[in-house]
Amino acid sequence: MNKLILSAALLWAAAGLAHAEKADSSKPTEIKFDQLEVDDVKQTKTAIGNVILTRGTLQMKSPKAVMKEDPEGYQYVTMTSTPGTPATFRQKRDGEGDQWVEGQADRIEYDGKTELVKLFSNAQIRRLEAGKPSDEVRGEFISYDSRKEFFSVKNTATGESKPGAGRGTMVIQPSNKNAAPAASVPAAGK
């Protein structure tokens, strides 16, 4: 079954020719919050309460975020949820039209150096085209590489796949080019 999930993920990734917005990596990071604690010695910032992190078109939201910075200046963020309020992310994809990828989970980790997003527990990712979902995948762990438009789904929140631990789900919407033509409906009274 894991091969089926991985095959579906590879198919989904191969179908997407657009990549995450390349300009995002060169944009400043803005963080809005209710409360902030900064530890300059450990190079950590902990934001609490209605946290909104924005970097170009990348937007992440959660009740709490911890951001670390390495000596090279790369940022690493861990967004955590509270009951009823998941951690979320959304990012525009390069390419024609209005294309986005968005997701949610109990915990989201973002690696600014590799632009890798990891979603832990109750994880979901959707691709949107013109505001409408085109594909969606759910699992306990999803790793999403925004540079390569590649993701993998595992059946445990640790990022491992274990027999009998759970199953993932993928929904692929029909494309407009494959949709049957709409039947003509006579106007009322005719």
N, C-alpha and C. Protein backbone atom coordinates (compact mmCIF):
# COMPACT_ATOMS: atom_id res chain seq x y z
N MET A 1 0.82 -1.20 0.00
CA MET A 1 0.00 0.00 0.00
C MET A 1 0.86 1.27 0.00
N ASN A 2 2.01 1.21 0.73
CA ASN A 2 2.88 2.39 0.77
C ASN A 2 3.41 2.72 -0.62
N LYS A 3 3.67 1.67 -1.44
CA LYS A 3 4.13 1.92 -2.80
C LYS A 3 3.05 2.62 -3.60
N LEU A 4 1.79 2.27 -3.36
CA LEU A 4 0.67 2.91 -4.05
C LEU A 4 0.61 4.39 -3.67
N ILE A 5 0.75 4.68 -2.39
CA ILE A 5 0.70 6.08 -1.92
C ILE A 5 1.87 6.85 -2.52
N LEU A 6 3.07 6.25 -2.49
CA LEU A 6 4.24 6.94 -3.04
C LEU A 6 4.08 7.13 -4.54
N SER A 7 3.56 6.12 -5.24
CA SER A 7 3.35 6.25 -6.68
C SER A 7 2.37 7.36 -6.98
N ALA A 8 1.30 7.44 -6.20
CA ALA A 8 0.33 8.52 -6.39
C ALA A 8 0.98 9.87 -6.13
N ALA A 9 1.82 9.95 -5.12
CA ALA A 9 2.50 11.21 -4.81
C ALA A 9 3.43 11.61 -5.94
N LEU A 10 4.15 10.63 -6.50
CA LEU A 10 5.05 10.93 -7.60
C LEU A 10 4.27 11.39 -8.83
N LEU A 11 3.14 10.75 -9.10
CA LEU A 11 2.28 11.15 -10.20
C LEU A 11 1.80 12.58 -10.01
N TRP A 12 1.37 12.90 -8.78
CA TRP A 12 0.88 14.24 -8.48
C TRP A 12 1.99 15.26 -8.67
N ALA A 13 3.19 14.93 -8.19
CA ALA A 13 4.31 15.87 -8.31
C ALA A 13 4.72 16.05 -9.76
N ALA A 14 4.71 14.97 -10.52
CA ALA A 14 5.10 15.07 -11.93
C ALA A 14 4.09 15.87 -12.73
N ALA A 15 2.83 15.83 -12.33
CA ALA A 15 1.79 16.56 -13.05
C ALA A 15 1.93 18.06 -12.86
N GLY A 16 2.53 18.48 -11.76
CA GLY A 16 2.67 19.92 -11.50
C GLY A 16 3.93 20.46 -12.13
N LEU A 17 3.82 21.20 -13.18
CA LEU A 17 4.98 21.75 -13.85
C LEU A 17 5.45 23.04 -13.21
N ALA A 18 4.60 23.68 -12.45
CA ALA A 18 4.95 24.94 -11.80
C ALA A 18 5.68 24.65 -10.49
N HIS A 19 6.54 25.55 -10.09
CA HIS A 19 7.28 25.41 -8.85
C HIS A 19 6.89 26.54 -7.91
N ALA A 20 7.28 26.38 -6.64
CA ALA A 20 7.00 27.43 -5.67
C ALA A 20 7.64 28.73 -6.15
N GLU A 21 7.04 29.82 -5.77
CA GLU A 21 7.50 31.15 -6.18
C GLU A 21 8.98 31.30 -5.83
N LYS A 22 9.84 31.39 -6.83
CA LYS A 22 11.28 31.45 -6.63
C LYS A 22 11.72 32.72 -5.92
N ALA A 23 11.01 33.81 -6.13
CA ALA A 23 11.40 35.08 -5.53
C ALA A 23 11.21 35.10 -4.02
N ASP A 24 10.44 34.17 -3.47
CA ASP A 24 10.18 34.16 -2.03
C ASP A 24 11.46 34.04 -1.21
N SER A 25 12.43 33.26 -1.68
CA SER A 25 13.64 33.01 -0.89
C SER A 25 14.48 34.26 -0.67
N SER A 26 14.29 35.27 -1.49
CA SER A 26 15.08 36.51 -1.34
C SER A 26 14.31 37.61 -0.62
N LYS A 27 13.12 37.31 -0.15
CA LYS A 27 12.28 38.32 0.52
C LYS A 27 12.54 38.31 2.03
N PRO A 28 12.30 39.45 2.69
CA PRO A 28 12.42 39.48 4.15
C PRO A 28 11.28 38.70 4.80
N THR A 29 11.51 38.24 6.01
CA THR A 29 10.49 37.52 6.77
C THR A 29 9.84 38.48 7.75
N GLU A 30 8.51 38.56 7.72
CA GLU A 30 7.75 39.39 8.65
C GLU A 30 6.96 38.47 9.56
N ILE A 31 7.01 38.73 10.87
CA ILE A 31 6.28 37.91 11.83
C ILE A 31 5.38 38.82 12.65
N LYS A 32 4.08 38.50 12.66
CA LYS A 32 3.12 39.22 13.50
C LYS A 32 2.70 38.27 14.62
N PHE A 33 2.47 38.82 15.81
CA PHE A 33 2.23 37.98 16.99
C PHE A 33 1.59 38.80 18.09
N ASP A 34 1.14 38.11 19.14
CA ASP A 34 0.63 38.78 20.34
C ASP A 34 1.74 38.97 21.37
N GLN A 35 2.70 38.04 21.39
CA GLN A 35 3.76 38.07 22.38
C GLN A 35 5.03 37.52 21.75
N LEU A 36 6.21 38.04 22.13
CA LEU A 36 7.47 37.59 21.55
C LEU A 36 8.55 37.50 22.62
N GLU A 37 9.34 36.41 22.56
CA GLU A 37 10.52 36.26 23.41
C GLU A 37 11.71 36.02 22.49
N VAL A 38 12.80 36.79 22.67
CA VAL A 38 13.97 36.68 21.82
C VAL A 38 15.17 36.31 22.68
N ASP A 39 15.89 35.25 22.30
CA ASP A 39 17.11 34.83 22.97
C ASP A 39 18.24 34.98 21.97
N ASP A 40 18.99 36.09 22.07
CA ASP A 40 20.06 36.35 21.11
C ASP A 40 21.22 35.38 21.25
N VAL A 41 21.45 34.86 22.45
CA VAL A 41 22.55 33.91 22.65
C VAL A 41 22.26 32.62 21.89
N LYS A 42 21.04 32.10 21.99
CA LYS A 42 20.66 30.86 21.31
C LYS A 42 20.13 31.10 19.89
N GLN A 43 20.02 32.37 19.51
CA GLN A 43 19.50 32.75 18.19
C GLN A 43 18.10 32.18 17.95
N THR A 44 17.22 32.31 18.97
CA THR A 44 15.84 31.85 18.83
C THR A 44 14.87 32.98 19.11
N LYS A 45 13.74 32.90 18.42
CA LYS A 45 12.64 33.83 18.63
C LYS A 45 11.40 32.98 18.82
N THR A 46 10.65 33.20 19.90
CA THR A 46 9.42 32.45 20.15
C THR A 46 8.27 33.43 20.12
N ALA A 47 7.39 33.26 19.13
CA ALA A 47 6.21 34.11 18.98
C ALA A 47 5.00 33.30 19.44
N ILE A 48 4.13 33.96 20.21
CA ILE A 48 2.95 33.29 20.76
C ILE A 48 1.72 34.14 20.49
N GLY A 49 0.64 33.46 20.12
CA GLY A 49 -0.64 34.14 19.95
C GLY A 49 -0.86 34.67 18.55
N ASN A 50 -1.73 34.00 17.78
CA ASN A 50 -2.12 34.45 16.45
C ASN A 50 -0.91 34.82 15.59
N VAL A 51 0.04 33.89 15.49
CA VAL A 51 1.29 34.13 14.77
C VAL A 51 1.04 34.04 13.27
N ILE A 52 1.53 35.05 12.54
CA ILE A 52 1.46 35.06 11.08
C ILE A 52 2.86 35.38 10.57
N LEU A 53 3.47 34.42 9.89
CA LEU A 53 4.79 34.59 9.31
C LEU A 53 4.62 34.72 7.81
N THR A 54 5.20 35.80 7.23
CA THR A 54 5.08 36.04 5.80
C THR A 54 6.47 36.25 5.22
N ARG A 55 6.74 35.56 4.11
CA ARG A 55 8.00 35.72 3.38
C ARG A 55 7.65 35.65 1.90
N GLY A 56 7.51 36.79 1.25
CA GLY A 56 7.04 36.82 -0.13
C GLY A 56 5.61 36.31 -0.18
N THR A 57 5.36 35.29 -0.99
CA THR A 57 4.00 34.73 -1.07
C THR A 57 3.79 33.61 -0.05
N LEU A 58 4.87 33.18 0.62
CA LEU A 58 4.74 32.16 1.66
C LEU A 58 4.12 32.77 2.90
N GLN A 59 3.03 32.17 3.37
CA GLN A 59 2.40 32.63 4.61
C GLN A 59 2.14 31.42 5.49
N MET A 60 2.59 31.50 6.74
CA MET A 60 2.39 30.44 7.71
C MET A 60 1.69 31.03 8.92
N LYS A 61 0.71 30.27 9.46
CA LYS A 61 -0.04 30.75 10.61
C LYS A 61 -0.12 29.65 11.66
N SER A 62 -0.07 30.05 12.93
CA SER A 62 -0.24 29.10 14.03
C SER A 62 -0.36 29.86 15.35
N PRO A 63 -0.78 29.15 16.39
CA PRO A 63 -0.83 29.79 17.70
C PRO A 63 0.56 30.06 18.30
N LYS A 64 1.57 29.26 17.87
CA LYS A 64 2.93 29.44 18.40
C LYS A 64 3.95 29.11 17.33
N ALA A 65 5.04 29.88 17.29
CA ALA A 65 6.12 29.63 16.34
C ALA A 65 7.46 29.86 17.03
N VAL A 66 8.40 28.95 16.76
CA VAL A 66 9.76 29.10 17.24
C VAL A 66 10.65 29.18 16.02
N MET A 67 11.42 30.27 15.92
CA MET A 67 12.29 30.47 14.78
C MET A 67 13.74 30.51 15.25
N LYS A 68 14.57 29.74 14.54
CA LYS A 68 16.01 29.72 14.81
C LYS A 68 16.74 30.17 13.56
N GLU A 69 17.94 30.69 13.76
CA GLU A 69 18.75 31.13 12.63
C GLU A 69 20.14 30.53 12.77
N ASP A 70 20.67 29.96 11.68
CA ASP A 70 22.02 29.39 11.75
C ASP A 70 23.05 30.47 11.47
N PRO A 71 24.33 30.18 11.65
CA PRO A 71 25.38 31.18 11.43
C PRO A 71 25.41 31.76 10.02
N GLU A 72 24.88 31.00 9.04
CA GLU A 72 24.83 31.49 7.66
C GLU A 72 23.64 32.40 7.41
N GLY A 73 22.73 32.50 8.38
CA GLY A 73 21.56 33.38 8.25
C GLY A 73 20.30 32.68 7.78
N TYR A 74 20.35 31.35 7.61
CA TYR A 74 19.15 30.62 7.20
C TYR A 74 18.21 30.46 8.39
N GLN A 75 16.93 30.56 8.11
CA GLN A 75 15.91 30.49 9.16
C GLN A 75 15.21 29.14 9.15
N TYR A 76 14.91 28.65 10.35
CA TYR A 76 14.20 27.39 10.55
C TYR A 76 13.04 27.69 11.49
N VAL A 77 11.83 27.33 11.09
CA VAL A 77 10.65 27.69 11.86
C VAL A 77 9.86 26.44 12.20
N THR A 78 9.40 26.36 13.44
CA THR A 78 8.48 25.30 13.86
C THR A 78 7.20 25.97 14.32
N MET A 79 6.11 25.66 13.60
CA MET A 79 4.78 26.20 13.90
C MET A 79 3.99 25.09 14.59
N THR A 80 3.36 25.40 15.73
CA THR A 80 2.58 24.39 16.44
C THR A 80 1.15 24.85 16.61
N SER A 81 0.26 23.85 16.64
CA SER A 81 -1.17 24.11 16.74
C SER A 81 -1.63 24.03 18.19
N THR A 82 -2.89 24.37 18.38
CA THR A 82 -3.60 24.11 19.62
C THR A 82 -4.89 23.39 19.22
N PRO A 83 -5.58 22.74 20.15
CA PRO A 83 -6.82 22.06 19.77
C PRO A 83 -7.78 23.02 19.05
N GLY A 84 -8.18 22.61 17.84
CA GLY A 84 -9.11 23.42 17.05
C GLY A 84 -8.46 24.45 16.15
N THR A 85 -7.15 24.69 16.31
CA THR A 85 -6.44 25.65 15.48
C THR A 85 -5.18 25.02 14.92
N PRO A 86 -5.24 24.49 13.68
CA PRO A 86 -4.04 23.86 13.12
C PRO A 86 -3.01 24.89 12.69
N ALA A 87 -1.78 24.43 12.53
CA ALA A 87 -0.74 25.25 11.90
C ALA A 87 -0.99 25.15 10.40
N THR A 88 -0.83 26.26 9.67
CA THR A 88 -1.11 26.26 8.23
C THR A 88 0.01 26.94 7.45
N PHE A 89 0.10 26.60 6.16
CA PHE A 89 0.98 27.34 5.27
C PHE A 89 0.29 27.47 3.92
N ARG A 90 0.71 28.48 3.18
CA ARG A 90 0.17 28.74 1.84
C ARG A 90 1.27 29.43 1.05
N GLN A 91 1.45 29.02 -0.23
CA GLN A 91 2.49 29.64 -1.05
C GLN A 91 2.08 29.62 -2.52
N LYS A 92 2.32 30.73 -3.20
CA LYS A 92 2.05 30.81 -4.63
C LYS A 92 3.09 29.99 -5.36
N ARG A 93 2.65 29.36 -6.45
CA ARG A 93 3.55 28.59 -7.29
C ARG A 93 3.88 29.40 -8.53
N ASP A 94 5.12 29.25 -9.02
CA ASP A 94 5.49 29.88 -10.29
C ASP A 94 4.67 29.24 -11.39
N GLY A 95 4.48 29.96 -12.46
CA GLY A 95 3.74 29.41 -13.59
C GLY A 95 2.59 30.31 -13.96
N GLU A 96 1.91 29.89 -15.01
CA GLU A 96 0.78 30.66 -15.51
C GLU A 96 -0.41 30.54 -14.58
N GLY A 97 -1.20 31.61 -14.53
CA GLY A 97 -2.44 31.58 -13.78
C GLY A 97 -2.26 31.72 -12.28
N ASP A 98 -3.34 31.53 -11.58
CA ASP A 98 -3.42 31.68 -10.14
C ASP A 98 -3.26 30.30 -9.50
N GLN A 99 -2.00 29.89 -9.22
CA GLN A 99 -1.71 28.57 -8.68
C GLN A 99 -1.10 28.67 -7.30
N TRP A 100 -1.62 27.90 -6.36
CA TRP A 100 -1.17 27.92 -4.98
C TRP A 100 -1.02 26.50 -4.46
N VAL A 101 -0.24 26.35 -3.41
CA VAL A 101 -0.20 25.12 -2.64
C VAL A 101 -0.43 25.55 -1.19
N GLU A 102 -1.25 24.78 -0.47
CA GLU A 102 -1.51 25.12 0.92
C GLU A 102 -1.62 23.84 1.72
N GLY A 103 -1.40 23.94 3.01
CA GLY A 103 -1.46 22.77 3.86
C GLY A 103 -1.70 23.12 5.30
N GLN A 104 -1.96 22.07 6.08
CA GLN A 104 -2.16 22.25 7.51
C GLN A 104 -1.77 20.98 8.23
N ALA A 105 -1.43 21.11 9.52
CA ALA A 105 -1.04 19.98 10.36
C ALA A 105 -1.01 20.44 11.80
N ASP A 106 -0.78 19.48 12.70
CA ASP A 106 -0.62 19.84 14.11
C ASP A 106 0.70 20.57 14.33
N ARG A 107 1.73 20.20 13.54
CA ARG A 107 3.03 20.87 13.62
C ARG A 107 3.60 20.98 12.22
N ILE A 108 4.16 22.15 11.90
CA ILE A 108 4.80 22.36 10.60
C ILE A 108 6.21 22.87 10.86
N GLU A 109 7.18 22.24 10.22
CA GLU A 109 8.56 22.69 10.29
C GLU A 109 8.99 23.18 8.92
N TYR A 110 9.59 24.37 8.88
CA TYR A 110 10.05 24.96 7.62
C TYR A 110 11.55 25.17 7.69
N ASP A 111 12.26 24.66 6.70
CA ASP A 111 13.71 24.80 6.59
C ASP A 111 13.99 25.83 5.50
N GLY A 112 14.43 27.01 5.90
CA GLY A 112 14.67 28.09 4.95
C GLY A 112 15.84 27.85 4.03
N LYS A 113 16.77 27.00 4.41
CA LYS A 113 17.93 26.71 3.56
C LYS A 113 17.53 25.82 2.38
N THR A 114 16.76 24.77 2.66
CA THR A 114 16.37 23.83 1.60
C THR A 114 14.96 24.10 1.08
N GLU A 115 14.23 25.00 1.74
CA GLU A 115 12.83 25.30 1.43
C GLU A 115 11.97 24.04 1.49
N LEU A 116 12.24 23.24 2.51
CA LEU A 116 11.50 22.01 2.76
C LEU A 116 10.49 22.26 3.86
N VAL A 117 9.24 21.84 3.63
CA VAL A 117 8.17 21.97 4.61
C VAL A 117 7.81 20.57 5.07
N LYS A 118 7.82 20.34 6.38
CA LYS A 118 7.43 19.04 6.93
C LYS A 118 6.18 19.25 7.78
N LEU A 119 5.16 18.44 7.50
CA LEU A 119 3.89 18.53 8.22
C LEU A 119 3.72 17.26 9.05
N PHE A 120 3.49 17.42 10.35
CA PHE A 120 3.40 16.31 11.28
C PHE A 120 2.01 16.21 11.88
N SER A 121 1.42 15.02 11.88
CA SER A 121 0.13 14.70 12.51
C SER A 121 -1.03 15.47 11.86
N ASN A 122 -2.01 14.70 11.38
CA ASN A 122 -3.18 15.27 10.71
C ASN A 122 -2.80 16.19 9.56
N ALA A 123 -1.84 15.75 8.77
CA ALA A 123 -1.27 16.58 7.70
C ALA A 123 -2.12 16.53 6.44
N GLN A 124 -2.22 17.68 5.78
CA GLN A 124 -2.94 17.80 4.50
C GLN A 124 -2.20 18.80 3.62
N ILE A 125 -2.16 18.52 2.32
CA ILE A 125 -1.65 19.47 1.33
C ILE A 125 -2.64 19.48 0.17
N ARG A 126 -2.91 20.69 -0.35
CA ARG A 126 -3.79 20.87 -1.51
C ARG A 126 -3.12 21.79 -2.52
N ARG A 127 -3.37 21.48 -3.78
CA ARG A 127 -2.99 22.41 -4.84
C ARG A 127 -4.27 23.10 -5.28
N LEU A 128 -4.16 24.40 -5.48
CA LEU A 128 -5.31 25.19 -5.92
C LEU A 128 -4.97 25.84 -7.25
N GLU A 129 -5.94 25.82 -8.15
CA GLU A 129 -5.80 26.51 -9.43
C GLU A 129 -7.02 27.39 -9.59
N ALA A 130 -6.78 28.69 -9.72
CA ALA A 130 -7.86 29.69 -9.81
C ALA A 130 -8.81 29.58 -8.62
N GLY A 131 -8.25 29.32 -7.44
CA GLY A 131 -9.04 29.25 -6.22
C GLY A 131 -9.76 27.95 -5.98
N LYS A 132 -9.67 27.00 -6.91
CA LYS A 132 -10.36 25.72 -6.77
C LYS A 132 -9.36 24.61 -6.53
N PRO A 133 -9.69 23.66 -5.63
CA PRO A 133 -8.77 22.55 -5.39
C PRO A 133 -8.58 21.70 -6.64
N SER A 134 -7.33 21.37 -6.95
CA SER A 134 -7.08 20.47 -8.08
C SER A 134 -6.66 19.10 -7.57
N ASP A 135 -5.91 19.05 -6.48
CA ASP A 135 -5.47 17.80 -5.88
C ASP A 135 -5.33 17.99 -4.38
N GLU A 136 -5.46 16.89 -3.64
CA GLU A 136 -5.31 16.95 -2.19
C GLU A 136 -4.77 15.62 -1.71
N VAL A 137 -3.89 15.67 -0.71
CA VAL A 137 -3.38 14.44 -0.10
C VAL A 137 -3.38 14.63 1.42
N ARG A 138 -3.68 13.54 2.14
CA ARG A 138 -3.72 13.55 3.61
C ARG A 138 -2.93 12.37 4.15
N GLY A 139 -2.27 12.57 5.26
CA GLY A 139 -1.53 11.51 5.92
C GLY A 139 -1.03 12.00 7.26
N GLU A 140 -0.34 11.14 7.98
CA GLU A 140 0.18 11.53 9.29
C GLU A 140 1.46 12.37 9.18
N PHE A 141 2.20 12.20 8.08
CA PHE A 141 3.42 12.97 7.85
C PHE A 141 3.54 13.25 6.36
N ILE A 142 3.80 14.51 6.02
CA ILE A 142 4.04 14.88 4.62
C ILE A 142 5.28 15.76 4.59
N SER A 143 6.20 15.41 3.72
CA SER A 143 7.38 16.22 3.48
C SER A 143 7.21 16.84 2.10
N TYR A 144 7.27 18.18 2.02
CA TYR A 144 7.02 18.89 0.76
C TYR A 144 8.23 19.75 0.41
N ASP A 145 8.85 19.46 -0.73
CA ASP A 145 9.98 20.22 -1.23
C ASP A 145 9.44 21.26 -2.21
N SER A 146 9.38 22.50 -1.78
CA SER A 146 8.77 23.54 -2.61
C SER A 146 9.61 23.88 -3.83
N ARG A 147 10.92 23.65 -3.79
CA ARG A 147 11.77 23.93 -4.96
C ARG A 147 11.51 22.94 -6.08
N LYS A 148 11.33 21.67 -5.72
CA LYS A 148 11.17 20.62 -6.72
C LYS A 148 9.72 20.23 -6.95
N GLU A 149 8.78 20.80 -6.16
CA GLU A 149 7.37 20.41 -6.25
C GLU A 149 7.23 18.90 -6.04
N PHE A 150 7.90 18.40 -5.02
CA PHE A 150 7.88 16.97 -4.73
C PHE A 150 7.49 16.78 -3.28
N PHE A 151 6.66 15.79 -3.01
CA PHE A 151 6.34 15.48 -1.63
C PHE A 151 6.24 13.99 -1.44
N SER A 152 6.39 13.55 -0.18
CA SER A 152 6.20 12.15 0.15
C SER A 152 5.31 12.09 1.38
N VAL A 153 4.54 11.02 1.46
CA VAL A 153 3.58 10.84 2.54
C VAL A 153 3.95 9.56 3.30
N LYS A 154 4.01 9.65 4.60
CA LYS A 154 4.31 8.48 5.46
C LYS A 154 3.14 8.28 6.41
N ASN A 155 3.00 7.06 6.93
CA ASN A 155 1.82 6.75 7.74
C ASN A 155 2.00 6.92 9.24
N THR A 156 3.12 7.49 9.68
CA THR A 156 3.28 7.83 11.10
C THR A 156 3.77 9.27 11.21
N ALA A 157 3.47 9.89 12.34
CA ALA A 157 3.85 11.29 12.54
C ALA A 157 5.35 11.46 12.73
N THR A 158 6.10 10.35 12.85
CA THR A 158 7.55 10.44 12.98
C THR A 158 8.24 10.56 11.63
N GLY A 159 7.49 10.36 10.55
CA GLY A 159 8.07 10.42 9.22
C GLY A 159 8.52 9.07 8.70
N GLU A 160 8.19 8.01 9.43
CA GLU A 160 8.49 6.65 9.00
C GLU A 160 7.20 6.00 8.52
N SER A 161 7.31 5.00 7.68
CA SER A 161 6.14 4.19 7.33
C SER A 161 6.27 2.86 8.04
N LYS A 162 5.21 2.49 8.76
CA LYS A 162 5.20 1.23 9.50
C LYS A 162 3.98 0.43 9.09
N PRO A 163 4.14 -0.87 8.87
CA PRO A 163 2.99 -1.70 8.51
C PRO A 163 1.87 -1.59 9.54
N GLY A 164 0.66 -1.37 9.05
CA GLY A 164 -0.51 -1.29 9.92
C GLY A 164 -0.68 0.00 10.69
N ALA A 165 0.20 0.98 10.47
CA ALA A 165 0.13 2.22 11.25
C ALA A 165 -0.95 3.18 10.77
N GLY A 166 -1.39 3.05 9.56
CA GLY A 166 -2.40 3.97 9.05
C GLY A 166 -2.31 4.06 7.54
N ARG A 167 -3.20 4.81 6.99
CA ARG A 167 -3.27 4.94 5.54
C ARG A 167 -3.38 6.41 5.16
N GLY A 168 -2.94 6.72 3.99
CA GLY A 168 -3.08 8.07 3.45
C GLY A 168 -4.23 8.10 2.46
N THR A 169 -4.62 9.29 2.08
CA THR A 169 -5.69 9.48 1.11
C THR A 169 -5.26 10.53 0.11
N MET A 170 -5.55 10.28 -1.16
CA MET A 170 -5.28 11.26 -2.20
C MET A 170 -6.53 11.43 -3.03
N VAL A 171 -6.88 12.69 -3.32
CA VAL A 171 -8.03 13.00 -4.15
C VAL A 171 -7.52 13.82 -5.33
N ILE A 172 -7.79 13.34 -6.54
CA ILE A 172 -7.39 14.04 -7.76
C ILE A 172 -8.66 14.49 -8.46
N GLN A 173 -8.81 15.78 -8.62
CA GLN A 173 -9.98 16.34 -9.30
C GLN A 173 -9.88 16.10 -10.79
N PRO A 174 -11.00 15.90 -11.47
CA PRO A 174 -10.94 15.75 -12.93
C PRO A 174 -10.50 17.07 -13.56
N SER A 175 -9.72 16.95 -14.61
CA SER A 175 -9.29 18.19 -15.29
C SER A 175 -10.40 18.62 -16.24
N ASN A 176 -10.44 19.90 -16.53
CA ASN A 176 -11.46 20.44 -17.43
C ASN A 176 -11.37 19.84 -18.83
N LYS A 177 -10.16 19.50 -19.27
CA LYS A 177 -10.01 18.98 -20.62
C LYS A 177 -10.60 17.58 -20.76
N ASN A 178 -10.75 16.87 -19.64
CA ASN A 178 -11.32 15.52 -19.67
C ASN A 178 -12.80 15.50 -19.31
N ALA A 179 -13.33 16.63 -18.91
CA ALA A 179 -14.73 16.69 -18.47
C ALA A 179 -15.66 16.54 -19.68
N ALA A 180 -16.76 15.87 -19.46
CA ALA A 180 -17.76 15.70 -20.53
C ALA A 180 -18.42 17.04 -20.79
N PRO A 181 -18.81 17.31 -22.04
CA PRO A 181 -19.47 18.58 -22.32
C PRO A 181 -20.79 18.65 -21.58
N ALA A 182 -21.13 19.84 -21.12
CA ALA A 182 -22.37 20.04 -20.39
C ALA A 182 -23.57 19.85 -21.31
N ALA A 183 -24.56 19.15 -20.81
CA ALA A 183 -25.79 18.95 -21.60
C ALA A 183 -26.56 20.26 -21.63
N SER A 184 -27.15 20.55 -22.75
CA SER A 184 -27.92 21.79 -22.82
C SER A 184 -29.25 21.57 -22.12
N VAL A 185 -29.63 22.54 -21.34
CA VAL A 185 -30.88 22.48 -20.58
C VAL A 185 -31.83 23.49 -21.19
N PRO A 186 -33.02 23.04 -21.59
CA PRO A 186 -33.98 24.00 -22.17
C PRO A 186 -34.38 25.06 -21.16
N ALA A 187 -34.58 26.26 -21.64
CA ALA A 187 -34.98 27.37 -20.79
C ALA A 187 -36.39 27.10 -20.25
N ALA A 188 -36.66 27.62 -19.08
CA ALA A 188 -37.97 27.42 -18.44
C ALA A 188 -39.07 27.95 -19.35
N GLY A 189 -40.16 27.20 -19.44
CA GLY A 189 -41.31 27.64 -20.22
C GLY A 189 -41.22 27.27 -21.69
N LYS A 190 -40.17 26.58 -22.12
CA LYS A 190 -40.05 26.23 -23.54
C LYS A 190 -40.25 24.76 -23.74
